[in-house]
N, C-alpha and C. Protein backbone atom coordinates (compact mmCIF):
# COMPACT_ATOMS: atom_id res chain seq x y z
N MET A 1 17.61 -27.16 -24.58
CA MET A 1 16.20 -26.17 -23.48
C MET A 1 16.07 -26.96 -22.51
N SER A 2 15.91 -26.77 -21.33
CA SER A 2 15.15 -27.89 -20.21
C SER A 2 13.23 -27.23 -19.90
N ASP A 3 12.80 -28.30 -20.12
CA ASP A 3 11.10 -28.49 -19.85
C ASP A 3 10.80 -27.95 -18.27
N THR A 4 11.81 -27.72 -17.05
CA THR A 4 11.93 -27.69 -15.75
C THR A 4 10.84 -26.07 -16.24
N PRO A 5 10.09 -25.92 -15.84
CA PRO A 5 9.31 -24.58 -15.28
C PRO A 5 10.10 -23.34 -14.27
N SER A 6 10.46 -22.51 -15.63
CA SER A 6 11.35 -21.38 -14.44
C SER A 6 10.19 -21.34 -12.69
N ALA A 7 11.50 -20.58 -11.86
CA ALA A 7 10.86 -19.94 -10.45
C ALA A 7 10.03 -19.05 -10.80
N ALA A 8 9.51 -17.88 -12.02
CA ALA A 8 8.88 -17.15 -12.12
C ALA A 8 6.87 -17.81 -12.18
N ALA A 9 7.38 -19.15 -13.50
CA ALA A 9 6.35 -19.15 -13.02
C ALA A 9 5.44 -20.67 -12.39
N VAL A 10 6.68 -21.31 -10.89
CA VAL A 10 5.66 -21.35 -10.35
C VAL A 10 6.46 -21.33 -8.77
N PRO A 11 5.40 -20.37 -8.68
CA PRO A 11 6.39 -19.03 -7.35
C PRO A 11 6.74 -20.11 -6.21
N GLU A 12 7.72 -19.52 -5.77
CA GLU A 12 8.58 -20.44 -4.65
C GLU A 12 7.50 -20.58 -2.99
N GLU A 13 7.14 -21.19 -2.71
CA GLU A 13 5.43 -21.57 -1.39
C GLU A 13 6.92 -20.96 0.34
N HIS A 14 6.72 -19.90 0.93
CA HIS A 14 7.44 -20.15 1.89
C HIS A 14 6.71 -20.05 3.45
N PRO A 15 7.71 -20.59 4.51
CA PRO A 15 6.39 -20.58 5.63
C PRO A 15 6.41 -19.25 5.95
N LYS A 16 4.95 -19.25 6.96
CA LYS A 16 4.90 -17.31 8.25
C LYS A 16 6.51 -16.79 8.72
N SER A 17 5.83 -15.64 8.11
CA SER A 17 7.25 -15.27 9.32
C SER A 17 6.60 -14.62 10.04
N ALA A 18 6.03 -14.48 11.80
CA ALA A 18 5.92 -13.95 12.84
C ALA A 18 6.23 -14.05 13.83
N PRO A 19 5.91 -13.40 14.91
CA PRO A 19 5.95 -13.97 16.07
C PRO A 19 5.57 -14.85 17.15
N ILE A 20 5.97 -15.43 17.96
CA ILE A 20 5.41 -17.10 18.04
C ILE A 20 4.14 -16.66 18.64
N ASP A 21 4.07 -15.28 19.49
CA ASP A 21 2.99 -15.15 20.19
C ASP A 21 1.86 -14.14 19.43
N ARG A 22 2.30 -13.92 17.42
CA ARG A 22 0.79 -12.45 17.43
C ARG A 22 -0.11 -12.82 17.26
N GLU A 23 -0.82 -14.34 17.86
CA GLU A 23 -2.32 -13.85 17.52
C GLU A 23 -2.29 -12.94 19.09
N THR A 24 -2.00 -12.96 19.80
CA THR A 24 -2.48 -12.77 21.54
C THR A 24 -2.24 -11.40 21.83
N ASN A 25 -0.58 -10.95 21.09
CA ASN A 25 -0.06 -9.44 21.03
C ASN A 25 0.08 -8.72 19.91
N GLY A 26 -0.45 -9.61 18.94
CA GLY A 26 -0.27 -8.48 18.11
C GLY A 26 1.45 -8.68 17.00
N PRO A 27 0.96 -7.72 15.91
CA PRO A 27 0.16 -7.09 15.13
C PRO A 27 -0.83 -8.45 15.30
N LEU A 28 -2.54 -7.54 15.20
CA LEU A 28 -3.43 -8.61 14.89
C LEU A 28 -4.63 -8.84 14.06
N ASP A 29 -4.86 -9.62 13.68
CA ASP A 29 -6.61 -9.83 12.67
C ASP A 29 -7.13 -9.30 13.77
N GLU A 30 -8.54 -8.44 12.38
CA GLU A 30 -8.89 -8.29 12.79
C GLU A 30 -9.89 -9.09 13.86
N SER A 31 -10.35 -10.70 13.23
CA SER A 31 -11.19 -11.94 14.04
C SER A 31 -10.34 -11.71 15.84
N GLU A 32 -9.19 -11.80 15.71
CA GLU A 32 -8.31 -11.36 16.87
C GLU A 32 -8.91 -9.90 17.83
N ALA A 33 -9.13 -9.41 17.53
CA ALA A 33 -9.25 -7.55 18.26
C ALA A 33 -10.51 -7.78 19.78
N ASN A 34 -9.97 -6.70 20.73
CA ASN A 34 -10.67 -6.74 21.07
C ASN A 34 -12.24 -5.47 20.79
N HIS A 35 -13.26 -5.74 20.18
CA HIS A 35 -13.69 -5.50 18.96
C HIS A 35 -14.39 -3.78 19.98
N VAL A 36 -13.78 -3.99 21.76
CA VAL A 36 -14.40 -2.94 22.40
C VAL A 36 -13.81 -1.42 22.60
N ARG A 37 -11.90 -1.34 21.95
CA ARG A 37 -11.13 -0.74 22.28
C ARG A 37 -11.05 -0.11 20.82
N PRO A 38 -11.90 1.60 21.20
CA PRO A 38 -12.11 3.09 20.24
C PRO A 38 -10.78 2.91 18.93
N TYR A 39 -10.44 2.25 18.39
CA TYR A 39 -9.48 2.38 16.65
C TYR A 39 -9.89 3.29 15.73
N VAL A 40 -8.87 3.76 15.39
CA VAL A 40 -9.42 4.37 14.07
C VAL A 40 -9.38 3.62 12.80
N ASP A 41 -10.21 4.11 12.64
CA ASP A 41 -10.86 3.02 10.68
C ASP A 41 -10.08 3.75 9.61
N LEU A 42 -8.53 2.33 8.97
CA LEU A 42 -8.37 3.02 8.43
C LEU A 42 -8.16 2.51 6.66
N GLY A 43 -9.77 1.99 7.14
CA GLY A 43 -10.41 0.54 6.55
C GLY A 43 -9.32 -0.48 6.39
N GLY A 44 -7.76 -1.11 5.23
CA GLY A 44 -7.24 -1.93 5.58
C GLY A 44 -6.71 -2.30 7.04
N VAL A 45 -6.10 -1.29 7.76
CA VAL A 45 -5.29 -1.29 9.60
C VAL A 45 -6.24 -0.86 10.19
N LYS A 46 -6.77 -0.87 11.14
CA LYS A 46 -7.05 -0.12 12.93
C LYS A 46 -6.16 0.34 13.35
N VAL A 47 -5.53 1.95 14.04
CA VAL A 47 -5.08 2.06 15.11
C VAL A 47 -5.49 2.72 15.94
N LEU A 48 -5.25 2.34 17.53
CA LEU A 48 -5.22 2.35 18.57
C LEU A 48 -4.91 3.68 19.20
N PRO A 49 -5.21 4.65 20.09
CA PRO A 49 -5.33 6.17 19.99
C PRO A 49 -4.26 5.56 21.00
N ARG A 50 -3.31 7.05 20.86
CA ARG A 50 -2.50 6.65 22.25
C ARG A 50 -1.71 8.62 21.81
N PRO A 51 -1.24 8.97 23.50
CA PRO A 51 -1.27 10.37 23.73
C PRO A 51 0.13 10.64 22.52
N GLU A 52 0.78 11.64 22.23
CA GLU A 52 1.26 12.02 21.81
C GLU A 52 1.54 11.04 20.20
N LEU A 53 0.81 10.42 19.70
CA LEU A 53 0.23 9.25 17.84
C LEU A 53 -0.10 10.19 17.46
N ALA A 54 0.80 10.90 16.23
CA ALA A 54 0.42 11.87 14.89
C ALA A 54 0.22 10.09 13.65
N LEU A 55 -0.38 10.27 13.45
CA LEU A 55 -1.70 9.82 11.54
C LEU A 55 -1.27 11.10 11.04
N ARG A 56 -0.51 9.72 9.67
CA ARG A 56 -0.78 10.81 8.52
C ARG A 56 -0.40 9.35 7.23
N LEU A 57 -1.22 10.16 6.56
CA LEU A 57 -1.66 9.48 5.48
C LEU A 57 -1.05 9.43 4.40
N GLU A 58 -0.81 9.07 3.15
CA GLU A 58 0.32 9.04 1.96
C GLU A 58 -0.20 8.06 1.03
N VAL A 59 -0.01 9.42 -0.19
CA VAL A 59 -0.83 9.47 -1.61
C VAL A 59 -0.13 8.59 -2.23
N GLU A 60 -0.88 7.55 -3.23
CA GLU A 60 0.08 7.93 -4.33
C GLU A 60 0.26 8.79 -5.15
N GLU A 61 1.63 9.07 -5.96
CA GLU A 61 1.48 10.08 -6.72
C GLU A 61 1.20 10.47 -8.25
N GLY A 62 -0.32 11.04 -7.53
CA GLY A 62 -0.66 11.62 -8.82
C GLY A 62 -1.61 10.96 -9.03
N GLY A 63 -2.18 10.65 -7.53
CA GLY A 63 -3.24 9.85 -8.04
C GLY A 63 -4.63 10.30 -6.60
N THR A 64 -4.93 9.96 -6.35
CA THR A 64 -5.79 9.64 -4.58
C THR A 64 -5.78 8.81 -3.46
N ARG A 65 -5.42 7.25 -4.58
CA ARG A 65 -5.32 6.47 -4.43
C ARG A 65 -4.28 6.42 -2.82
N VAL A 66 -4.39 6.23 -1.35
CA VAL A 66 -4.14 5.78 0.25
C VAL A 66 -2.89 4.52 0.23
N VAL A 67 -1.77 4.75 -0.61
CA VAL A 67 -0.95 3.86 -0.46
C VAL A 67 -0.27 3.51 0.96
N ALA A 68 0.13 4.17 2.08
CA ALA A 68 0.57 3.66 3.29
C ALA A 68 0.21 4.20 4.49
N VAL A 69 -0.49 3.71 5.33
CA VAL A 69 -0.03 5.26 6.58
C VAL A 69 1.11 4.96 7.24
N ALA A 70 1.28 6.82 8.22
CA ALA A 70 2.55 7.17 8.47
C ALA A 70 2.40 6.97 10.15
N LEU A 71 2.44 7.05 10.83
CA LEU A 71 2.84 6.71 12.81
C LEU A 71 4.02 7.99 12.50
N ASP A 72 3.44 8.91 13.47
CA ASP A 72 4.91 9.56 14.75
C ASP A 72 4.66 9.58 15.86
N TYR A 73 5.99 8.61 15.97
CA TYR A 73 5.58 8.34 17.81
C TYR A 73 6.83 7.89 18.18
N ALA A 74 7.30 8.70 19.31
CA ALA A 74 9.14 8.32 20.66
C ALA A 74 9.93 8.86 19.30
N GLY A 75 9.59 10.39 19.07
CA GLY A 75 10.27 11.00 17.39
C GLY A 75 11.13 10.52 16.92
N SER A 76 9.97 9.21 15.94
CA SER A 76 10.19 8.36 14.95
C SER A 76 9.38 8.17 14.47
N THR A 77 9.21 7.45 13.44
CA THR A 77 8.31 7.96 12.26
C THR A 77 7.95 5.64 11.86
N LEU A 78 7.02 5.17 12.13
CA LEU A 78 6.69 3.55 11.86
C LEU A 78 5.37 3.87 10.62
N GLN A 79 5.71 3.16 9.61
CA GLN A 79 5.12 3.05 7.70
C GLN A 79 4.49 2.28 7.86
N VAL A 80 3.49 1.66 7.57
CA VAL A 80 2.98 0.31 7.14
C VAL A 80 2.14 0.36 6.15
N GLN A 81 1.65 -0.86 5.15
CA GLN A 81 1.48 -1.04 4.69
C GLN A 81 1.00 -2.35 4.81
N PRO A 82 -0.79 -3.14 4.34
CA PRO A 82 -0.74 -4.02 4.97
C PRO A 82 -0.93 -4.31 3.30
N PHE A 83 -1.06 -6.10 3.05
CA PHE A 83 -0.82 -7.33 1.35
C PHE A 83 -1.82 -8.16 1.83
N ALA A 84 -2.25 -8.43 0.66
CA ALA A 84 -2.87 -9.42 0.49
C ALA A 84 -2.12 -10.72 0.25
N ALA A 85 -2.28 -11.73 0.91
CA ALA A 85 -1.57 -12.34 0.97
C ALA A 85 -2.23 -14.61 1.19
N PRO A 86 -1.18 -15.87 0.94
CA PRO A 86 -1.75 -16.82 0.68
C PRO A 86 -2.26 -17.45 2.58
N ARG A 87 -3.13 -18.12 1.78
CA ARG A 87 -3.61 -18.70 3.63
C ARG A 87 -2.84 -19.38 4.28
N ASN A 88 -1.89 -20.45 3.39
CA ASN A 88 -0.78 -21.21 4.60
C ASN A 88 0.09 -20.46 3.84
N SER A 89 0.80 -19.64 3.13
CA SER A 89 1.86 -19.61 2.82
C SER A 89 2.46 -18.02 3.24
N GLY A 90 3.73 -17.73 3.23
CA GLY A 90 3.91 -16.07 3.72
C GLY A 90 5.06 -15.47 2.44
N LEU A 91 4.93 -14.25 2.86
CA LEU A 91 5.09 -13.29 1.33
C LEU A 91 6.63 -12.58 2.54
N TRP A 92 6.77 -12.68 3.90
CA TRP A 92 8.20 -11.55 4.45
C TRP A 92 9.34 -12.17 3.40
N HIS A 93 9.81 -14.02 3.64
CA HIS A 93 10.93 -14.15 3.41
C HIS A 93 11.20 -13.49 1.42
N GLU A 94 10.67 -13.61 0.60
CA GLU A 94 10.75 -13.31 -0.76
C GLU A 94 10.45 -12.40 -0.91
N ILE A 95 9.93 -11.06 0.16
CA ILE A 95 9.90 -9.56 0.04
C ILE A 95 11.44 -8.98 0.30
N ARG A 96 11.57 -10.03 0.84
CA ARG A 96 12.81 -8.99 2.35
C ARG A 96 13.66 -9.61 0.84
N GLU A 97 14.26 -10.06 0.53
CA GLU A 97 15.29 -10.47 -1.01
C GLU A 97 15.33 -9.00 -1.43
N GLN A 98 13.58 -8.70 -2.04
CA GLN A 98 13.82 -7.51 -3.19
C GLN A 98 13.75 -7.21 -2.69
N ILE A 99 13.65 -6.18 -1.21
CA ILE A 99 14.37 -5.16 -0.63
C ILE A 99 14.93 -4.59 -0.64
N VAL A 100 15.71 -5.39 0.21
CA VAL A 100 18.04 -6.50 -0.55
C VAL A 100 18.13 -4.86 -2.13
N GLU A 101 17.23 -6.64 -2.78
CA GLU A 101 18.41 -6.19 -3.95
C GLU A 101 17.79 -4.78 -4.86
N GLN A 102 16.69 -4.22 -3.78
CA GLN A 102 16.61 -2.78 -4.80
C GLN A 102 17.30 -1.62 -3.72
N ILE A 103 17.41 -1.76 -2.20
CA ILE A 103 18.38 -1.54 -2.03
C ILE A 103 19.65 -0.78 -2.99
N SER A 104 19.77 -2.49 -3.01
CA SER A 104 22.12 -2.89 -3.09
C SER A 104 21.84 -1.81 -5.03
N ARG A 105 20.77 -1.54 -5.83
CA ARG A 105 20.96 -0.56 -6.27
C ARG A 105 20.36 0.65 -6.77
N GLN A 106 20.26 1.00 -5.62
CA GLN A 106 20.51 2.20 -5.02
C GLN A 106 21.33 2.47 -5.24
N GLY A 107 21.93 2.04 -4.43
CA GLY A 107 23.71 1.93 -3.65
C GLY A 107 23.83 2.42 -2.56
N GLY A 108 22.54 1.27 -1.93
CA GLY A 108 22.33 1.39 -0.17
C GLY A 108 23.03 0.38 0.21
N THR A 109 23.25 -0.06 1.29
CA THR A 109 24.04 -1.43 2.21
C THR A 109 22.70 -1.61 2.94
N THR A 110 22.29 -3.46 3.14
CA THR A 110 21.40 -3.38 4.11
C THR A 110 22.52 -5.06 5.28
N THR A 111 22.18 -5.16 6.08
CA THR A 111 21.58 -5.76 7.06
C THR A 111 20.69 -6.70 7.17
N THR A 112 21.32 -7.50 7.89
CA THR A 112 19.72 -8.11 7.72
C THR A 112 19.74 -9.36 9.09
N ALA A 113 19.27 -9.24 9.86
CA ALA A 113 19.50 -9.48 11.88
C ALA A 113 17.79 -9.90 12.58
N PRO A 114 18.08 -11.59 13.18
CA PRO A 114 17.16 -11.06 13.98
C PRO A 114 16.55 -10.31 14.77
N GLY A 115 14.84 -10.21 14.83
CA GLY A 115 14.85 -8.75 15.60
C GLY A 115 13.48 -9.55 15.78
N PRO A 116 12.67 -8.86 16.90
CA PRO A 116 11.41 -9.33 17.96
C PRO A 116 10.46 -9.44 16.89
N PHE A 117 10.32 -9.30 15.79
CA PHE A 117 9.10 -9.72 14.74
C PHE A 117 8.90 -11.02 14.38
N GLY A 118 11.07 -11.43 13.99
CA GLY A 118 11.51 -12.31 12.98
C GLY A 118 12.72 -11.58 12.44
N PRO A 119 13.04 -12.18 11.82
CA PRO A 119 13.87 -11.43 10.28
C PRO A 119 14.13 -10.17 9.76
N GLU A 120 14.25 -9.04 9.88
CA GLU A 120 14.37 -7.90 9.38
C GLU A 120 15.46 -7.25 8.88
N ILE A 121 15.31 -6.31 8.44
CA ILE A 121 16.78 -5.59 7.00
C ILE A 121 16.86 -4.11 7.96
N ARG A 122 17.68 -3.80 8.06
CA ARG A 122 19.00 -2.85 9.08
C ARG A 122 19.21 -2.15 7.36
N ALA A 123 18.88 -0.84 6.90
CA ALA A 123 19.95 -0.53 6.11
C ALA A 123 19.20 1.06 5.93
N GLU A 124 20.26 1.43 5.11
CA GLU A 124 21.32 2.64 5.20
C GLU A 124 20.76 3.02 3.92
N ILE A 125 20.00 4.04 3.27
CA ILE A 125 19.76 4.14 1.87
C ILE A 125 20.04 6.21 1.62
N PRO A 126 21.24 6.07 0.63
CA PRO A 126 21.10 6.75 -0.51
C PRO A 126 19.91 7.82 -0.76
N SER A 127 20.06 9.03 -0.71
CA SER A 127 18.77 9.93 -1.20
C SER A 127 18.83 10.17 -2.83
N PRO A 128 17.97 10.49 -3.67
CA PRO A 128 18.08 10.74 -4.96
C PRO A 128 19.32 10.98 -5.59
N GLY A 129 19.86 12.38 -4.55
CA GLY A 129 21.20 13.31 -5.36
C GLY A 129 22.52 12.10 -4.67
N GLY A 130 21.96 11.24 -4.05
CA GLY A 130 23.01 10.32 -3.30
C GLY A 130 24.15 11.82 -2.53
N GLU A 131 23.35 13.08 -1.95
CA GLU A 131 24.55 13.90 -0.91
C GLU A 131 24.45 13.22 0.57
N SER A 132 23.25 12.51 0.38
CA SER A 132 23.27 11.76 2.29
C SER A 132 22.36 10.42 1.51
N SER A 133 22.47 10.17 3.13
CA SER A 133 21.36 8.49 3.56
C SER A 133 20.16 8.52 4.14
N ARG A 134 19.77 8.12 4.61
CA ARG A 134 18.94 7.35 6.01
C ARG A 134 18.83 6.52 6.36
N MET A 135 18.83 6.39 7.15
CA MET A 135 18.79 4.42 7.92
C MET A 135 16.88 4.03 7.80
N ALA A 136 17.32 3.06 8.38
CA ALA A 136 16.03 2.87 7.97
C ALA A 136 15.96 0.96 8.73
N ARG A 137 14.84 0.78 9.32
CA ARG A 137 14.58 -0.74 9.76
C ARG A 137 13.69 -1.01 9.17
N PHE A 138 13.26 -2.57 8.03
CA PHE A 138 12.74 -2.90 7.54
C PHE A 138 11.70 -4.22 8.64
N VAL A 139 10.64 -4.01 8.87
CA VAL A 139 9.99 -5.55 9.73
C VAL A 139 9.30 -6.07 8.46
N GLY A 140 8.48 -6.74 8.84
CA GLY A 140 7.26 -8.21 8.56
C GLY A 140 7.15 -8.52 9.28
N VAL A 141 5.22 -9.14 8.74
CA VAL A 141 4.55 -9.83 9.90
C VAL A 141 3.11 -10.83 9.19
N ASP A 142 3.88 -12.00 9.11
CA ASP A 142 2.11 -13.01 8.53
C ASP A 142 1.42 -13.14 8.56
N GLY A 143 0.16 -12.66 8.52
CA GLY A 143 -0.37 -12.91 9.55
C GLY A 143 -1.50 -14.31 8.43
N PRO A 144 -3.02 -14.38 8.69
CA PRO A 144 -4.19 -15.27 8.24
C PRO A 144 -4.78 -14.18 6.44
N ARG A 145 -3.93 -14.72 5.95
CA ARG A 145 -4.09 -13.97 4.44
C ARG A 145 -3.88 -12.97 4.51
N TRP A 146 -2.64 -12.33 4.96
CA TRP A 146 -2.41 -10.66 5.07
C TRP A 146 -0.82 -10.74 5.94
N PHE A 147 0.14 -10.04 5.30
CA PHE A 147 1.45 -9.69 4.99
C PHE A 147 1.31 -8.20 5.78
N LEU A 148 1.84 -7.40 6.55
CA LEU A 148 2.54 -6.58 7.30
C LEU A 148 3.26 -6.22 7.07
N ARG A 149 3.68 -4.74 5.97
CA ARG A 149 5.26 -4.01 6.21
C ARG A 149 5.22 -3.21 7.52
N GLY A 150 6.62 -2.94 7.82
CA GLY A 150 6.38 -1.75 8.72
C GLY A 150 8.23 -1.22 8.23
N VAL A 151 8.21 -0.26 8.26
CA VAL A 151 9.31 1.02 7.80
C VAL A 151 9.55 1.78 9.16
N ILE A 152 10.86 1.46 9.61
CA ILE A 152 10.80 2.43 11.13
C ILE A 152 11.95 3.85 11.05
N SER A 153 12.22 3.92 11.61
CA SER A 153 12.90 5.27 11.30
C SER A 153 12.25 6.38 12.03
N GLY A 154 13.95 7.46 12.48
CA GLY A 154 14.49 8.08 13.30
C GLY A 154 14.71 7.81 14.51
N GLN A 155 14.36 8.53 15.91
CA GLN A 155 15.24 7.77 17.24
C GLN A 155 14.63 6.48 17.77
N ALA A 156 14.36 5.89 16.86
CA ALA A 156 13.49 3.93 17.36
C ALA A 156 14.85 3.41 17.07
N LEU A 157 16.06 4.28 15.52
CA LEU A 157 16.86 3.32 15.10
C LEU A 157 18.72 3.11 16.99
N VAL A 158 18.15 4.80 17.38
CA VAL A 158 19.53 4.34 17.59
C VAL A 158 18.52 4.53 19.36
N ASP A 159 17.72 4.69 20.27
CA ASP A 159 17.34 4.75 21.26
C ASP A 159 16.36 3.92 21.97
N PRO A 160 16.85 3.00 22.25
CA PRO A 160 16.75 1.32 22.24
C PRO A 160 14.67 1.68 23.25
N ASP A 161 14.36 2.59 23.68
CA ASP A 161 13.34 3.42 24.96
C ASP A 161 12.08 3.14 23.62
N ALA A 162 12.86 4.30 22.01
CA ALA A 162 11.98 4.56 21.70
C ALA A 162 11.42 3.01 20.80
N ALA A 163 12.58 2.50 20.46
CA ALA A 163 12.45 1.04 19.99
C ALA A 163 11.09 0.82 19.84
N ALA A 164 11.63 0.52 21.24
CA ALA A 164 10.70 -0.30 22.38
C ALA A 164 8.79 0.48 21.99
N ARG A 165 9.06 1.42 22.14
CA ARG A 165 7.28 1.44 21.66
C ARG A 165 7.61 1.81 20.81
N ILE A 166 8.64 2.06 19.18
CA ILE A 166 7.80 1.80 18.17
C ILE A 166 7.12 0.39 18.20
N GLU A 167 8.24 -0.39 18.74
CA GLU A 167 8.06 -2.46 18.42
C GLU A 167 6.71 -1.99 18.01
N GLU A 168 5.98 -1.40 20.32
CA GLU A 168 4.21 -2.02 20.52
C GLU A 168 3.46 -1.61 19.90
N LEU A 169 3.84 0.11 19.47
CA LEU A 169 3.17 0.74 17.98
C LEU A 169 2.66 -0.50 17.41
N PHE A 170 3.41 -0.86 16.42
CA PHE A 170 3.38 -2.59 15.49
C PHE A 170 3.12 -3.24 15.70
N ARG A 171 3.39 -3.77 17.02
CA ARG A 171 2.11 -4.97 17.64
C ARG A 171 1.20 -4.59 17.72
N SER A 172 0.33 -2.88 17.95
CA SER A 172 -1.32 -3.03 18.60
C SER A 172 -1.85 -2.65 16.64
N ILE A 173 -1.03 -3.13 15.92
CA ILE A 173 -1.93 -2.71 14.41
C ILE A 173 -3.16 -3.89 14.20
N VAL A 174 -4.33 -3.39 14.08
CA VAL A 174 -5.31 -4.45 13.41
C VAL A 174 -4.84 -4.14 12.07
N VAL A 175 -5.41 -6.20 11.13
CA VAL A 175 -5.68 -5.89 9.87
C VAL A 175 -6.56 -6.27 9.78
N VAL A 176 -7.71 -4.91 9.57
CA VAL A 176 -8.75 -5.86 8.33
C VAL A 176 -8.88 -6.70 6.60
N ARG A 177 -8.20 -7.68 6.70
CA ARG A 177 -7.94 -8.02 5.74
C ARG A 177 -9.28 -8.79 4.70
N GLY A 178 -10.80 -8.05 4.88
CA GLY A 178 -12.07 -8.69 4.83
C GLY A 178 -11.69 -9.81 4.12
N SER A 179 -12.81 -10.31 2.91
CA SER A 179 -13.50 -11.36 2.49
C SER A 179 -13.60 -11.21 1.44
N THR A 180 -12.84 -9.87 0.15
CA THR A 180 -12.59 -9.81 -0.61
C THR A 180 -11.71 -10.84 -1.08
N PRO A 181 -11.73 -11.55 -2.54
CA PRO A 181 -10.11 -11.71 -3.07
C PRO A 181 -9.92 -11.16 -3.77
N MET A 182 -8.89 -11.21 -3.93
CA MET A 182 -7.51 -9.99 -4.01
C MET A 182 -6.41 -10.71 -4.05
N PRO A 183 -5.32 -10.92 -5.07
CA PRO A 183 -3.87 -11.53 -5.43
C PRO A 183 -3.52 -11.46 -3.71
N PRO A 184 -1.95 -12.74 -3.62
CA PRO A 184 -1.41 -11.54 -3.03
C PRO A 184 -0.59 -11.27 -3.59
N ARG A 185 0.76 -10.72 -2.87
CA ARG A 185 0.97 -9.44 -2.99
C ARG A 185 0.51 -7.62 -2.93
N ASP A 186 -1.49 -7.58 -3.81
CA ASP A 186 -1.88 -6.72 -3.69
C ASP A 186 -2.35 -5.67 -2.15
N LEU A 187 -2.03 -4.52 -2.12
CA LEU A 187 -2.20 -4.06 -1.14
C LEU A 187 -3.87 -3.58 -0.84
N ILE A 188 -3.63 -3.93 0.53
CA ILE A 188 -4.87 -4.11 0.92
C ILE A 188 -6.14 -2.82 0.91
N PRO A 189 -7.68 -1.98 0.55
CA PRO A 189 -7.23 -0.49 0.09
C PRO A 189 -7.53 -0.16 1.49
N LEU A 190 -6.73 1.04 1.61
CA LEU A 190 -6.52 1.94 3.03
C LEU A 190 -7.72 3.38 2.39
N GLN A 191 -8.45 3.54 3.47
CA GLN A 191 -8.99 5.04 3.29
C GLN A 191 -9.01 6.41 4.53
N VAL A 192 -9.65 6.92 4.11
CA VAL A 192 -9.36 8.42 4.78
C VAL A 192 -10.45 8.01 5.83
N PRO A 193 -9.66 7.81 7.50
CA PRO A 193 -11.47 7.78 8.42
C PRO A 193 -12.24 9.51 8.14
N SER A 194 -12.93 10.11 8.14
CA SER A 194 -13.76 10.93 8.42
C SER A 194 -12.70 12.57 9.22
N SER A 195 -12.74 11.45 10.26
CA SER A 195 -12.20 12.99 11.28
C SER A 195 -10.75 13.44 10.78
N MET A 196 -10.48 13.16 9.52
CA MET A 196 -8.91 13.04 8.51
C MET A 196 -10.03 13.80 7.44
N ALA A 197 -10.93 14.09 6.73
CA ALA A 197 -10.87 14.36 5.71
C ALA A 197 -10.36 15.46 4.75
N GLY A 198 -9.67 16.43 5.05
CA GLY A 198 -8.71 17.02 5.42
C GLY A 198 -6.89 16.67 4.29
N GLY A 199 -7.26 15.25 4.79
CA GLY A 199 -5.80 14.76 4.68
C GLY A 199 -4.52 15.13 5.00
N THR A 200 -5.24 16.28 6.24
CA THR A 200 -3.56 16.40 7.23
C THR A 200 -3.29 15.96 8.39
N PRO A 201 -1.68 15.98 8.35
CA PRO A 201 -1.38 15.26 10.05
C PRO A 201 -2.21 15.31 10.86
N GLN A 202 -3.16 14.04 12.38
CA GLN A 202 -3.68 14.39 13.15
C GLN A 202 -3.00 13.56 14.18
N SER A 203 -3.80 14.05 14.87
CA SER A 203 -2.85 13.52 16.42
C SER A 203 -3.77 12.45 17.24
N VAL A 204 -3.75 11.80 17.18
CA VAL A 204 -5.12 10.46 17.92
C VAL A 204 -4.66 9.60 19.32
């Protein structure tokens, strides 16, 4: 029996995956954002209002914890989730592999390809009953002590103009990591803004 520690015992460190211009063109860290701009504060992320943008919060099944922010825009949906991450290494390379494995177990197919944010996954995911499937793009960016995941669906998968608008929307997200110690991969807490106290979709 080998004395070599298992891969699970010693997590492999990966380099950060992010656009070269992330610090200026986003997704931004709170410290890099223009605080004069009228962001909608959702706790772990801030969203810049724009015409025709509708905001929905996705809540944990059977609970009240907000687990994702869904942005409906340009005939498409962008779902975003911010996670805590190590200071000097990234999560996207490892998380990408896990997404591919999970979709494969569901009977779906994936292709990994270069995109505007770095490597991304283009997937066909079967519905729970298997009668139909949906298409999606998974994108990810490693920032300073955070990782931001995005899932794109809708018109942006087939229309270059819609894709460019959704990509710009993802770029405009500001991540608020905060100073509270958090294990890597933990979801950075999201909150309902006061203007959405009823939890209904709202144009922002």
